[in-house]
Amino acid sequence: MITFYHSPETRSGRTMWLMEESGLPFETRYVTIEHMDGRGAVDPANVHPDGRVPAIVHDNVLISESYAIAIYVSDLAPASNLGAPEGSAERGPFLAWLMWLATEMEPVIFGRLYGGGEGNPRAERNYNQVVRRIETALANGPYLMGDRFTAVDVMAGATIAWARQAFPESAAIDAWLARIADRPAHQRACANDAETVDA
């Protein structure tokens, strides 16, 4: 059994979605965190070393950081088809996509949302490269890695849906976001958060 540490209405919602997609048994522990706007507080029950989310504990081993969890859970649940097995031709591209999301796409998105570099030629170049890479991937398949839905779609899709205003108008991106949002696991994850927030 995996114990998943989560706080509603945070970016660990994408890990909730990943857990639902995995088919693995898990228990969610809801914790509070300190938000950037000053709301909330660090929860002593939270096992994350920085008091953040997400984190999971499996077989008494703590794994924090959403991209590490994405790899770990995908490997732990091969039947889910979320990842790419070690030694397979897709393993390298799978890892490369996840690292690109963390190191290239997310900084560009945050820069766009919070005024970091608009009008700066290098920032504009990086932004255009991110948009081009996403749209090129979607032109080659219904999902980012082609014909198959993977953890890459979970991590990228949740982030881009949250920051849709940071991207230009794009029928391809909107169709992809709608396609993955219709997945039952995504709907269960959203319902879990909604019920907790309402409570």
N, C-alpha and C. Protein backbone atom coordinates (compact mmCIF):
# COMPACT_ATOMS: atom_id res chain seq x y z
N MET A 1 0.85 -1.20 0.00
CA MET A 1 0.00 0.00 0.00
C MET A 1 0.88 1.25 0.00
N ILE A 2 0.51 2.19 -0.81
CA ILE A 2 1.22 3.47 -0.88
C ILE A 2 0.43 4.50 -0.05
N THR A 3 1.15 5.27 0.74
CA THR A 3 0.54 6.40 1.44
C THR A 3 0.92 7.66 0.68
N PHE A 4 -0.09 8.40 0.27
CA PHE A 4 0.09 9.59 -0.56
C PHE A 4 -0.25 10.82 0.27
N TYR A 5 0.71 11.72 0.43
CA TYR A 5 0.52 12.96 1.18
C TYR A 5 0.16 14.07 0.21
N HIS A 6 -0.99 14.68 0.46
CA HIS A 6 -1.59 15.59 -0.52
C HIS A 6 -2.29 16.74 0.17
N SER A 7 -2.29 17.88 -0.47
CA SER A 7 -3.06 19.03 0.00
C SER A 7 -3.95 19.50 -1.15
N PRO A 8 -5.25 19.62 -0.92
CA PRO A 8 -6.16 20.01 -2.00
C PRO A 8 -5.82 21.37 -2.60
N GLU A 9 -6.19 21.52 -3.86
CA GLU A 9 -6.00 22.76 -4.62
C GLU A 9 -4.54 23.16 -4.69
N THR A 10 -3.67 22.17 -4.83
CA THR A 10 -2.25 22.41 -5.06
C THR A 10 -1.85 21.59 -6.27
N ARG A 11 -0.58 21.76 -6.67
CA ARG A 11 -0.11 21.04 -7.84
C ARG A 11 0.07 19.54 -7.57
N SER A 12 -0.09 19.11 -6.33
CA SER A 12 -0.04 17.67 -6.10
C SER A 12 -1.32 16.99 -6.58
N GLY A 13 -2.27 17.80 -7.06
CA GLY A 13 -3.44 17.21 -7.71
C GLY A 13 -3.05 16.34 -8.89
N ARG A 14 -1.95 16.70 -9.57
CA ARG A 14 -1.52 15.88 -10.71
C ARG A 14 -1.00 14.52 -10.23
N THR A 15 -0.45 14.49 -9.00
CA THR A 15 -0.02 13.20 -8.46
C THR A 15 -1.23 12.38 -8.04
N MET A 16 -2.27 13.02 -7.54
CA MET A 16 -3.53 12.32 -7.27
C MET A 16 -4.03 11.66 -8.55
N TRP A 17 -3.99 12.40 -9.65
CA TRP A 17 -4.42 11.87 -10.95
C TRP A 17 -3.54 10.69 -11.34
N LEU A 18 -2.23 10.83 -11.19
CA LEU A 18 -1.30 9.75 -11.51
C LEU A 18 -1.61 8.50 -10.69
N MET A 19 -1.85 8.68 -9.40
CA MET A 19 -2.17 7.54 -8.54
C MET A 19 -3.44 6.86 -9.01
N GLU A 20 -4.44 7.63 -9.37
CA GLU A 20 -5.69 7.04 -9.86
C GLU A 20 -5.47 6.28 -11.17
N GLU A 21 -4.63 6.81 -12.04
CA GLU A 21 -4.33 6.14 -13.31
C GLU A 21 -3.54 4.84 -13.09
N SER A 22 -2.73 4.80 -12.05
CA SER A 22 -1.83 3.67 -11.84
C SER A 22 -2.54 2.37 -11.53
N GLY A 23 -3.70 2.47 -10.90
CA GLY A 23 -4.39 1.26 -10.47
C GLY A 23 -3.81 0.65 -9.20
N LEU A 24 -2.81 1.28 -8.62
CA LEU A 24 -2.20 0.78 -7.39
C LEU A 24 -3.06 1.14 -6.18
N PRO A 25 -3.10 0.29 -5.17
CA PRO A 25 -3.81 0.67 -3.95
C PRO A 25 -3.04 1.78 -3.23
N PHE A 26 -3.76 2.79 -2.80
CA PHE A 26 -3.12 3.88 -2.06
C PHE A 26 -4.10 4.50 -1.09
N GLU A 27 -3.52 5.09 -0.07
CA GLU A 27 -4.29 5.82 0.94
C GLU A 27 -3.83 7.26 0.90
N THR A 28 -4.78 8.18 0.86
CA THR A 28 -4.44 9.60 0.82
C THR A 28 -4.46 10.19 2.24
N ARG A 29 -3.36 10.83 2.59
CA ARG A 29 -3.29 11.57 3.84
C ARG A 29 -3.32 13.06 3.48
N TYR A 30 -4.38 13.73 3.89
CA TYR A 30 -4.51 15.15 3.60
C TYR A 30 -3.75 15.95 4.65
N VAL A 31 -2.89 16.83 4.19
CA VAL A 31 -2.08 17.65 5.08
C VAL A 31 -2.20 19.11 4.67
N THR A 32 -1.87 19.99 5.58
CA THR A 32 -1.84 21.41 5.24
C THR A 32 -0.41 21.80 4.85
N ILE A 33 -0.30 22.83 4.06
CA ILE A 33 1.00 23.38 3.69
C ILE A 33 0.94 24.89 3.83
N GLU A 34 2.10 25.50 3.82
CA GLU A 34 2.17 26.96 3.82
C GLU A 34 2.18 27.44 2.38
N HIS A 35 1.16 28.20 2.00
CA HIS A 35 1.04 28.68 0.63
C HIS A 35 1.85 29.97 0.44
N MET A 36 2.12 30.27 -0.83
CA MET A 36 2.92 31.46 -1.14
C MET A 36 2.26 32.75 -0.69
N ASP A 37 0.91 32.74 -0.63
CA ASP A 37 0.21 33.96 -0.21
C ASP A 37 0.07 34.07 1.31
N GLY A 38 0.69 33.13 2.03
CA GLY A 38 0.65 33.20 3.49
C GLY A 38 -0.41 32.34 4.14
N ARG A 39 -1.33 31.79 3.35
CA ARG A 39 -2.34 30.92 3.92
C ARG A 39 -1.71 29.60 4.37
N GLY A 40 -2.37 28.97 5.34
CA GLY A 40 -1.97 27.64 5.75
C GLY A 40 -0.74 27.64 6.63
N ALA A 41 -0.29 26.43 6.95
CA ALA A 41 0.87 26.26 7.81
C ALA A 41 1.47 24.89 7.55
N VAL A 42 2.74 24.75 7.87
CA VAL A 42 3.39 23.45 7.74
C VAL A 42 2.74 22.48 8.71
N ASP A 43 2.42 21.30 8.21
CA ASP A 43 1.73 20.27 8.99
C ASP A 43 2.76 19.31 9.57
N PRO A 44 2.80 19.15 10.89
CA PRO A 44 3.78 18.22 11.48
C PRO A 44 3.56 16.77 11.05
N ALA A 45 2.37 16.46 10.55
CA ALA A 45 2.09 15.10 10.08
C ALA A 45 2.60 14.85 8.67
N ASN A 46 3.08 15.90 8.02
CA ASN A 46 3.55 15.77 6.64
C ASN A 46 4.99 15.24 6.65
N VAL A 47 5.24 14.20 5.88
CA VAL A 47 6.57 13.58 5.86
C VAL A 47 7.51 14.23 4.85
N HIS A 48 6.99 15.10 3.98
CA HIS A 48 7.85 15.76 2.99
C HIS A 48 8.93 16.55 3.73
N PRO A 49 10.20 16.43 3.32
CA PRO A 49 11.28 17.10 4.07
C PRO A 49 11.17 18.61 4.12
N ASP A 50 10.45 19.21 3.17
CA ASP A 50 10.29 20.66 3.16
C ASP A 50 8.88 21.09 3.55
N GLY A 51 8.07 20.15 4.01
CA GLY A 51 6.70 20.49 4.41
C GLY A 51 5.79 20.78 3.24
N ARG A 52 6.14 20.27 2.07
CA ARG A 52 5.35 20.53 0.86
C ARG A 52 4.64 19.26 0.42
N VAL A 53 4.00 19.32 -0.73
CA VAL A 53 3.37 18.15 -1.34
C VAL A 53 3.74 18.16 -2.82
N PRO A 54 3.74 16.98 -3.44
CA PRO A 54 3.35 15.67 -2.92
C PRO A 54 4.52 14.91 -2.32
N ALA A 55 4.16 13.85 -1.62
CA ALA A 55 5.13 12.86 -1.17
C ALA A 55 4.39 11.54 -1.07
N ILE A 56 5.12 10.45 -1.25
CA ILE A 56 4.53 9.14 -1.03
C ILE A 56 5.48 8.34 -0.15
N VAL A 57 4.90 7.38 0.55
CA VAL A 57 5.68 6.41 1.30
C VAL A 57 5.26 5.03 0.83
N HIS A 58 6.25 4.25 0.40
CA HIS A 58 6.00 2.88 -0.07
C HIS A 58 7.04 1.96 0.53
N ASP A 59 6.60 0.91 1.21
CA ASP A 59 7.51 -0.02 1.88
C ASP A 59 8.50 0.73 2.78
N ASN A 60 7.96 1.71 3.50
CA ASN A 60 8.75 2.51 4.45
C ASN A 60 9.80 3.39 3.79
N VAL A 61 9.69 3.59 2.49
CA VAL A 61 10.61 4.47 1.77
C VAL A 61 9.85 5.73 1.36
N LEU A 62 10.43 6.89 1.65
CA LEU A 62 9.83 8.17 1.30
C LEU A 62 10.32 8.63 -0.06
N ILE A 63 9.39 9.00 -0.94
CA ILE A 63 9.74 9.59 -2.23
C ILE A 63 8.99 10.91 -2.31
N SER A 64 9.72 11.99 -2.47
CA SER A 64 9.10 13.31 -2.64
C SER A 64 9.41 13.81 -4.05
N GLU A 65 8.78 14.90 -4.43
CA GLU A 65 8.94 15.58 -5.72
C GLU A 65 8.13 14.84 -6.79
N SER A 66 7.27 15.59 -7.44
CA SER A 66 6.26 14.99 -8.30
C SER A 66 6.84 14.22 -9.49
N TYR A 67 7.96 14.69 -10.06
CA TYR A 67 8.50 13.98 -11.21
C TYR A 67 9.17 12.68 -10.80
N ALA A 68 9.82 12.67 -9.63
CA ALA A 68 10.37 11.42 -9.10
C ALA A 68 9.26 10.43 -8.81
N ILE A 69 8.17 10.92 -8.25
CA ILE A 69 7.02 10.06 -7.98
C ILE A 69 6.43 9.52 -9.27
N ALA A 70 6.38 10.34 -10.31
CA ALA A 70 5.85 9.88 -11.60
C ALA A 70 6.64 8.71 -12.14
N ILE A 71 7.96 8.78 -12.05
CA ILE A 71 8.80 7.69 -12.53
C ILE A 71 8.62 6.46 -11.64
N TYR A 72 8.65 6.68 -10.33
CA TYR A 72 8.56 5.58 -9.38
C TYR A 72 7.25 4.82 -9.55
N VAL A 73 6.15 5.55 -9.59
CA VAL A 73 4.83 4.92 -9.68
C VAL A 73 4.65 4.24 -11.04
N SER A 74 5.12 4.86 -12.10
CA SER A 74 5.02 4.25 -13.42
C SER A 74 5.77 2.93 -13.47
N ASP A 75 6.96 2.90 -12.85
CA ASP A 75 7.73 1.66 -12.81
C ASP A 75 7.06 0.61 -11.94
N LEU A 76 6.42 1.06 -10.87
CA LEU A 76 5.78 0.14 -9.93
C LEU A 76 4.50 -0.47 -10.50
N ALA A 77 3.92 0.19 -11.49
CA ALA A 77 2.64 -0.26 -12.06
C ALA A 77 2.77 -0.46 -13.57
N PRO A 78 3.57 -1.43 -14.03
CA PRO A 78 3.77 -1.59 -15.47
C PRO A 78 2.48 -1.87 -16.23
N ALA A 79 1.52 -2.52 -15.57
CA ALA A 79 0.26 -2.83 -16.25
C ALA A 79 -0.54 -1.58 -16.60
N SER A 80 -0.25 -0.48 -15.92
CA SER A 80 -0.97 0.78 -16.19
C SER A 80 -0.55 1.39 -17.53
N ASN A 81 0.64 0.99 -18.01
CA ASN A 81 1.18 1.53 -19.27
C ASN A 81 1.47 3.02 -19.19
N LEU A 82 1.67 3.53 -17.98
CA LEU A 82 1.95 4.95 -17.79
C LEU A 82 3.39 5.31 -18.12
N GLY A 83 4.28 4.34 -18.03
CA GLY A 83 5.70 4.62 -18.21
C GLY A 83 6.32 3.87 -19.35
N ALA A 84 7.60 3.60 -19.22
CA ALA A 84 8.36 2.87 -20.22
C ALA A 84 9.36 2.00 -19.47
N PRO A 85 9.31 0.69 -19.65
CA PRO A 85 10.20 -0.20 -18.89
C PRO A 85 11.67 0.07 -19.16
N GLU A 86 12.49 -0.17 -18.16
CA GLU A 86 13.94 -0.07 -18.35
C GLU A 86 14.35 -1.01 -19.48
N GLY A 87 15.21 -0.51 -20.35
CA GLY A 87 15.68 -1.30 -21.47
C GLY A 87 14.82 -1.19 -22.71
N SER A 88 13.63 -0.57 -22.60
CA SER A 88 12.77 -0.42 -23.77
C SER A 88 13.20 0.79 -24.58
N ALA A 89 12.80 0.82 -25.84
CA ALA A 89 13.15 1.94 -26.72
C ALA A 89 12.53 3.25 -26.26
N GLU A 90 11.45 3.17 -25.51
CA GLU A 90 10.75 4.38 -25.07
C GLU A 90 11.30 4.95 -23.77
N ARG A 91 12.16 4.18 -23.08
CA ARG A 91 12.61 4.61 -21.75
C ARG A 91 13.32 5.97 -21.80
N GLY A 92 14.25 6.11 -22.71
CA GLY A 92 14.99 7.36 -22.82
C GLY A 92 14.09 8.54 -23.13
N PRO A 93 13.24 8.44 -24.18
CA PRO A 93 12.32 9.55 -24.45
C PRO A 93 11.36 9.85 -23.29
N PHE A 94 10.92 8.82 -22.59
CA PHE A 94 10.02 9.01 -21.44
C PHE A 94 10.70 9.85 -20.36
N LEU A 95 11.92 9.47 -20.01
CA LEU A 95 12.66 10.23 -19.00
C LEU A 95 12.99 11.63 -19.49
N ALA A 96 13.35 11.73 -20.78
CA ALA A 96 13.69 13.04 -21.34
C ALA A 96 12.49 13.98 -21.30
N TRP A 97 11.32 13.48 -21.63
CA TRP A 97 10.11 14.31 -21.56
C TRP A 97 9.88 14.83 -20.14
N LEU A 98 9.96 13.94 -19.16
CA LEU A 98 9.70 14.37 -17.78
C LEU A 98 10.71 15.40 -17.31
N MET A 99 11.98 15.20 -17.66
CA MET A 99 13.00 16.17 -17.25
C MET A 99 12.81 17.49 -17.99
N TRP A 100 12.39 17.43 -19.24
CA TRP A 100 12.14 18.65 -20.01
C TRP A 100 10.99 19.44 -19.40
N LEU A 101 9.95 18.73 -18.98
CA LEU A 101 8.83 19.42 -18.34
C LEU A 101 9.29 20.19 -17.11
N ALA A 102 10.13 19.53 -16.31
CA ALA A 102 10.58 20.15 -15.06
C ALA A 102 11.56 21.29 -15.28
N THR A 103 12.48 21.13 -16.24
CA THR A 103 13.58 22.08 -16.36
C THR A 103 13.40 23.13 -17.46
N GLU A 104 12.55 22.85 -18.42
CA GLU A 104 12.34 23.79 -19.52
C GLU A 104 10.93 24.36 -19.54
N MET A 105 9.92 23.49 -19.58
CA MET A 105 8.56 23.99 -19.72
C MET A 105 8.09 24.77 -18.49
N GLU A 106 8.28 24.20 -17.30
CA GLU A 106 7.75 24.86 -16.11
C GLU A 106 8.38 26.23 -15.85
N PRO A 107 9.71 26.38 -15.96
CA PRO A 107 10.26 27.73 -15.78
C PRO A 107 9.72 28.74 -16.78
N VAL A 108 9.50 28.30 -18.01
CA VAL A 108 8.94 29.20 -19.03
C VAL A 108 7.53 29.60 -18.66
N ILE A 109 6.73 28.63 -18.19
CA ILE A 109 5.35 28.93 -17.82
C ILE A 109 5.31 29.92 -16.65
N PHE A 110 6.11 29.66 -15.62
CA PHE A 110 6.10 30.55 -14.47
C PHE A 110 6.59 31.95 -14.85
N GLY A 111 7.58 31.99 -15.73
CA GLY A 111 8.05 33.29 -16.21
C GLY A 111 6.96 34.04 -16.94
N ARG A 112 6.20 33.32 -17.75
CA ARG A 112 5.12 33.95 -18.51
C ARG A 112 4.01 34.44 -17.59
N LEU A 113 3.68 33.63 -16.59
CA LEU A 113 2.58 33.98 -15.70
C LEU A 113 2.92 35.13 -14.76
N TYR A 114 4.18 35.19 -14.34
CA TYR A 114 4.55 36.14 -13.31
C TYR A 114 5.49 37.23 -13.82
N GLY A 115 5.47 37.45 -15.13
CA GLY A 115 6.17 38.60 -15.69
C GLY A 115 7.66 38.46 -15.79
N GLY A 116 8.14 37.26 -15.97
CA GLY A 116 9.58 37.07 -16.07
C GLY A 116 10.06 37.01 -17.50
N GLY A 117 10.38 38.13 -18.08
CA GLY A 117 11.10 38.11 -19.35
C GLY A 117 10.32 38.41 -20.61
N GLU A 118 9.05 38.79 -20.51
CA GLU A 118 8.35 39.16 -21.75
C GLU A 118 9.08 40.33 -22.39
N GLY A 119 9.34 40.22 -23.67
CA GLY A 119 10.10 41.24 -24.38
C GLY A 119 11.58 40.96 -24.40
N ASN A 120 12.04 40.06 -23.54
CA ASN A 120 13.44 39.64 -23.55
C ASN A 120 13.63 38.60 -24.66
N PRO A 121 14.54 38.84 -25.61
CA PRO A 121 14.68 37.93 -26.75
C PRO A 121 14.92 36.47 -26.36
N ARG A 122 15.75 36.26 -25.35
CA ARG A 122 16.04 34.88 -24.95
C ARG A 122 14.81 34.22 -24.33
N ALA A 123 14.09 34.97 -23.50
CA ALA A 123 12.87 34.43 -22.89
C ALA A 123 11.82 34.13 -23.95
N GLU A 124 11.70 35.02 -24.94
CA GLU A 124 10.74 34.80 -26.02
C GLU A 124 11.12 33.57 -26.84
N ARG A 125 12.41 33.40 -27.09
CA ARG A 125 12.86 32.22 -27.83
C ARG A 125 12.52 30.94 -27.06
N ASN A 126 12.78 30.95 -25.76
CA ASN A 126 12.49 29.77 -24.94
C ASN A 126 11.00 29.47 -24.92
N TYR A 127 10.20 30.52 -24.81
CA TYR A 127 8.75 30.35 -24.81
C TYR A 127 8.28 29.74 -26.12
N ASN A 128 8.76 30.28 -27.23
CA ASN A 128 8.35 29.76 -28.53
C ASN A 128 8.79 28.32 -28.73
N GLN A 129 9.96 27.96 -28.19
CA GLN A 129 10.42 26.58 -28.30
C GLN A 129 9.52 25.63 -27.52
N VAL A 130 9.08 26.06 -26.35
CA VAL A 130 8.19 25.23 -25.55
C VAL A 130 6.87 24.99 -26.28
N VAL A 131 6.27 26.06 -26.78
CA VAL A 131 5.00 25.93 -27.50
C VAL A 131 5.18 25.04 -28.72
N ARG A 132 6.25 25.26 -29.45
CA ARG A 132 6.49 24.46 -30.67
C ARG A 132 6.66 22.98 -30.34
N ARG A 133 7.38 22.69 -29.27
CA ARG A 133 7.61 21.28 -28.93
C ARG A 133 6.32 20.57 -28.57
N ILE A 134 5.47 21.24 -27.79
CA ILE A 134 4.18 20.64 -27.42
C ILE A 134 3.32 20.43 -28.66
N GLU A 135 3.20 21.45 -29.48
CA GLU A 135 2.33 21.34 -30.66
C GLU A 135 2.87 20.33 -31.67
N THR A 136 4.18 20.24 -31.83
CA THR A 136 4.77 19.26 -32.75
C THR A 136 4.48 17.85 -32.27
N ALA A 137 4.62 17.62 -30.96
CA ALA A 137 4.33 16.29 -30.42
C ALA A 137 2.87 15.92 -30.65
N LEU A 138 1.97 16.87 -30.43
CA LEU A 138 0.55 16.57 -30.59
C LEU A 138 0.16 16.39 -32.05
N ALA A 139 0.92 16.98 -32.96
CA ALA A 139 0.66 16.78 -34.39
C ALA A 139 1.03 15.37 -34.82
N ASN A 140 1.92 14.74 -34.07
CA ASN A 140 2.38 13.40 -34.43
C ASN A 140 1.63 12.28 -33.71
N GLY A 141 0.77 12.63 -32.82
CA GLY A 141 0.00 11.61 -32.10
C GLY A 141 -0.99 12.25 -31.18
N PRO A 142 -2.00 11.53 -30.78
CA PRO A 142 -2.99 12.15 -29.90
C PRO A 142 -2.44 12.49 -28.52
N TYR A 143 -1.27 11.89 -28.17
CA TYR A 143 -0.64 12.15 -26.87
C TYR A 143 0.80 12.60 -27.08
N LEU A 144 1.43 13.06 -26.04
CA LEU A 144 2.76 13.66 -26.19
C LEU A 144 3.82 12.65 -26.64
N MET A 145 3.63 11.37 -26.27
CA MET A 145 4.58 10.36 -26.72
C MET A 145 4.03 9.52 -27.86
N GLY A 146 3.02 10.04 -28.54
CA GLY A 146 2.49 9.34 -29.71
C GLY A 146 1.10 8.80 -29.47
N ASP A 147 0.91 7.50 -29.74
CA ASP A 147 -0.41 6.90 -29.66
C ASP A 147 -0.84 6.54 -28.25
N ARG A 148 0.10 6.58 -27.31
CA ARG A 148 -0.15 6.05 -25.98
C ARG A 148 -0.17 7.15 -24.92
N PHE A 149 -1.20 7.13 -24.09
CA PHE A 149 -1.28 8.02 -22.92
C PHE A 149 -0.26 7.56 -21.90
N THR A 150 0.54 8.50 -21.36
CA THR A 150 1.56 8.15 -20.36
C THR A 150 1.54 9.17 -19.22
N ALA A 151 2.43 8.92 -18.27
CA ALA A 151 2.60 9.87 -17.17
C ALA A 151 3.04 11.23 -17.67
N VAL A 152 3.65 11.29 -18.84
CA VAL A 152 4.04 12.58 -19.42
C VAL A 152 2.79 13.43 -19.66
N ASP A 153 1.72 12.81 -20.15
CA ASP A 153 0.48 13.55 -20.38
C ASP A 153 -0.14 14.02 -19.07
N VAL A 154 -0.03 13.19 -18.03
CA VAL A 154 -0.54 13.60 -16.71
C VAL A 154 0.19 14.85 -16.23
N MET A 155 1.51 14.77 -16.21
CA MET A 155 2.30 15.86 -15.65
C MET A 155 2.20 17.13 -16.49
N ALA A 156 2.30 16.98 -17.79
CA ALA A 156 2.21 18.16 -18.66
C ALA A 156 0.78 18.68 -18.72
N GLY A 157 -0.18 17.77 -18.84
CA GLY A 157 -1.57 18.18 -19.00
C GLY A 157 -2.10 18.93 -17.80
N ALA A 158 -1.80 18.43 -16.60
CA ALA A 158 -2.26 19.12 -15.39
C ALA A 158 -1.65 20.51 -15.29
N THR A 159 -0.38 20.62 -15.65
CA THR A 159 0.30 21.91 -15.55
C THR A 159 -0.22 22.89 -16.59
N ILE A 160 -0.36 22.43 -17.82
CA ILE A 160 -0.82 23.32 -18.89
C ILE A 160 -2.28 23.72 -18.68
N ALA A 161 -3.11 22.80 -18.21
CA ALA A 161 -4.51 23.15 -17.94
C ALA A 161 -4.59 24.24 -16.88
N TRP A 162 -3.75 24.12 -15.84
CA TRP A 162 -3.71 25.12 -14.77
C TRP A 162 -3.22 26.47 -15.30
N ALA A 163 -2.30 26.45 -16.25
CA ALA A 163 -1.69 27.68 -16.76
C ALA A 163 -2.06 27.91 -18.22
N ARG A 164 -3.29 27.55 -18.59
CA ARG A 164 -3.67 27.64 -20.01
C ARG A 164 -3.49 29.04 -20.56
N GLN A 165 -3.68 30.06 -19.73
CA GLN A 165 -3.56 31.44 -20.21
C GLN A 165 -2.13 31.80 -20.59
N ALA A 166 -1.17 30.99 -20.20
CA ALA A 166 0.22 31.27 -20.54
C ALA A 166 0.57 30.78 -21.96
N PHE A 167 -0.35 30.05 -22.56
CA PHE A 167 -0.11 29.51 -23.90
C PHE A 167 -0.98 30.23 -24.92
N PRO A 168 -0.55 30.27 -26.16
CA PRO A 168 -1.37 30.91 -27.20
C PRO A 168 -2.58 30.05 -27.54
N GLU A 169 -3.51 30.62 -28.29
CA GLU A 169 -4.63 29.83 -28.78
C GLU A 169 -4.09 28.67 -29.61
N SER A 170 -4.66 27.49 -29.37
CA SER A 170 -4.18 26.30 -30.07
C SER A 170 -5.26 25.24 -30.03
N ALA A 171 -5.81 24.92 -31.20
CA ALA A 171 -6.83 23.87 -31.27
C ALA A 171 -6.25 22.53 -30.85
N ALA A 172 -4.98 22.28 -31.19
CA ALA A 172 -4.35 21.00 -30.84
C ALA A 172 -4.21 20.85 -29.34
N ILE A 173 -3.76 21.90 -28.67
CA ILE A 173 -3.60 21.84 -27.21
C ILE A 173 -4.96 21.70 -26.54
N ASP A 174 -5.95 22.46 -27.00
CA ASP A 174 -7.27 22.40 -26.38
C ASP A 174 -7.91 21.02 -26.56
N ALA A 175 -7.75 20.42 -27.74
CA ALA A 175 -8.32 19.09 -27.99
C ALA A 175 -7.65 18.05 -27.11
N TRP A 176 -6.35 18.15 -26.96
CA TRP A 176 -5.60 17.22 -26.11
C TRP A 176 -6.03 17.37 -24.65
N LEU A 177 -6.13 18.62 -24.16
CA LEU A 177 -6.56 18.84 -22.78
C LEU A 177 -7.95 18.27 -22.53
N ALA A 178 -8.85 18.44 -23.49
CA ALA A 178 -10.20 17.90 -23.34
C ALA A 178 -10.17 16.38 -23.34
N ARG A 179 -9.34 15.81 -24.19
CA ARG A 179 -9.25 14.35 -24.31
C ARG A 179 -8.76 13.72 -23.01
N ILE A 180 -7.73 14.30 -22.41
CA ILE A 180 -7.20 13.69 -21.19
C ILE A 180 -8.06 14.02 -19.98
N ALA A 181 -8.75 15.16 -20.01
CA ALA A 181 -9.63 15.51 -18.89
C ALA A 181 -10.83 14.57 -18.80
N ASP A 182 -11.19 13.94 -19.93
CA ASP A 182 -12.32 13.02 -19.95
C ASP A 182 -12.00 11.65 -19.35
N ARG A 183 -10.74 11.41 -19.05
CA ARG A 183 -10.36 10.10 -18.52
C ARG A 183 -10.98 9.89 -17.14
N PRO A 184 -11.52 8.71 -16.89
CA PRO A 184 -12.16 8.46 -15.59
C PRO A 184 -11.24 8.71 -14.39
N ALA A 185 -9.96 8.38 -14.52
CA ALA A 185 -9.03 8.60 -13.41
C ALA A 185 -8.88 10.08 -13.10
N HIS A 186 -8.88 10.90 -14.14
CA HIS A 186 -8.79 12.34 -13.93
C HIS A 186 -10.04 12.85 -13.22
N GLN A 187 -11.18 12.36 -13.64
CA GLN A 187 -12.43 12.80 -13.02
C GLN A 187 -12.52 12.36 -11.56
N ARG A 188 -12.01 11.15 -11.26
CA ARG A 188 -11.99 10.71 -9.86
C ARG A 188 -11.08 11.59 -9.02
N ALA A 189 -9.92 11.93 -9.56
CA ALA A 189 -8.97 12.77 -8.83
C ALA A 189 -9.59 14.14 -8.55
N CYS A 190 -10.24 14.72 -9.53
CA CYS A 190 -10.89 16.03 -9.34
C CYS A 190 -12.01 15.94 -8.31
N ALA A 191 -12.77 14.85 -8.35
CA ALA A 191 -13.87 14.67 -7.40
C ALA A 191 -13.33 14.54 -5.98
N ASN A 192 -12.22 13.84 -5.81
CA ASN A 192 -11.61 13.69 -4.47
C ASN A 192 -11.27 15.05 -3.89
N ASP A 193 -10.65 15.89 -4.71
CA ASP A 193 -10.27 17.22 -4.24
C ASP A 193 -11.49 18.07 -3.94
N ALA A 194 -12.48 18.00 -4.82
CA ALA A 194 -13.68 18.83 -4.65
C ALA A 194 -14.41 18.47 -3.36
N GLU A 195 -14.52 17.16 -3.08
CA GLU A 195 -15.21 16.74 -1.86
C GLU A 195 -14.48 17.23 -0.62
N THR A 196 -13.16 17.20 -0.66
CA THR A 196 -12.37 17.62 0.51
C THR A 196 -12.48 19.12 0.72
N VAL A 197 -12.43 19.88 -0.38
CA VAL A 197 -12.54 21.34 -0.28
C VAL A 197 -13.91 21.72 0.24
N ASP A 198 -14.97 21.06 -0.25
CA ASP A 198 -16.33 21.36 0.21
C ASP A 198 -16.49 21.06 1.69
N ALA A 199 -15.84 19.97 2.12
CA ALA A 199 -15.94 19.59 3.53
C ALA A 199 -15.26 20.62 4.43
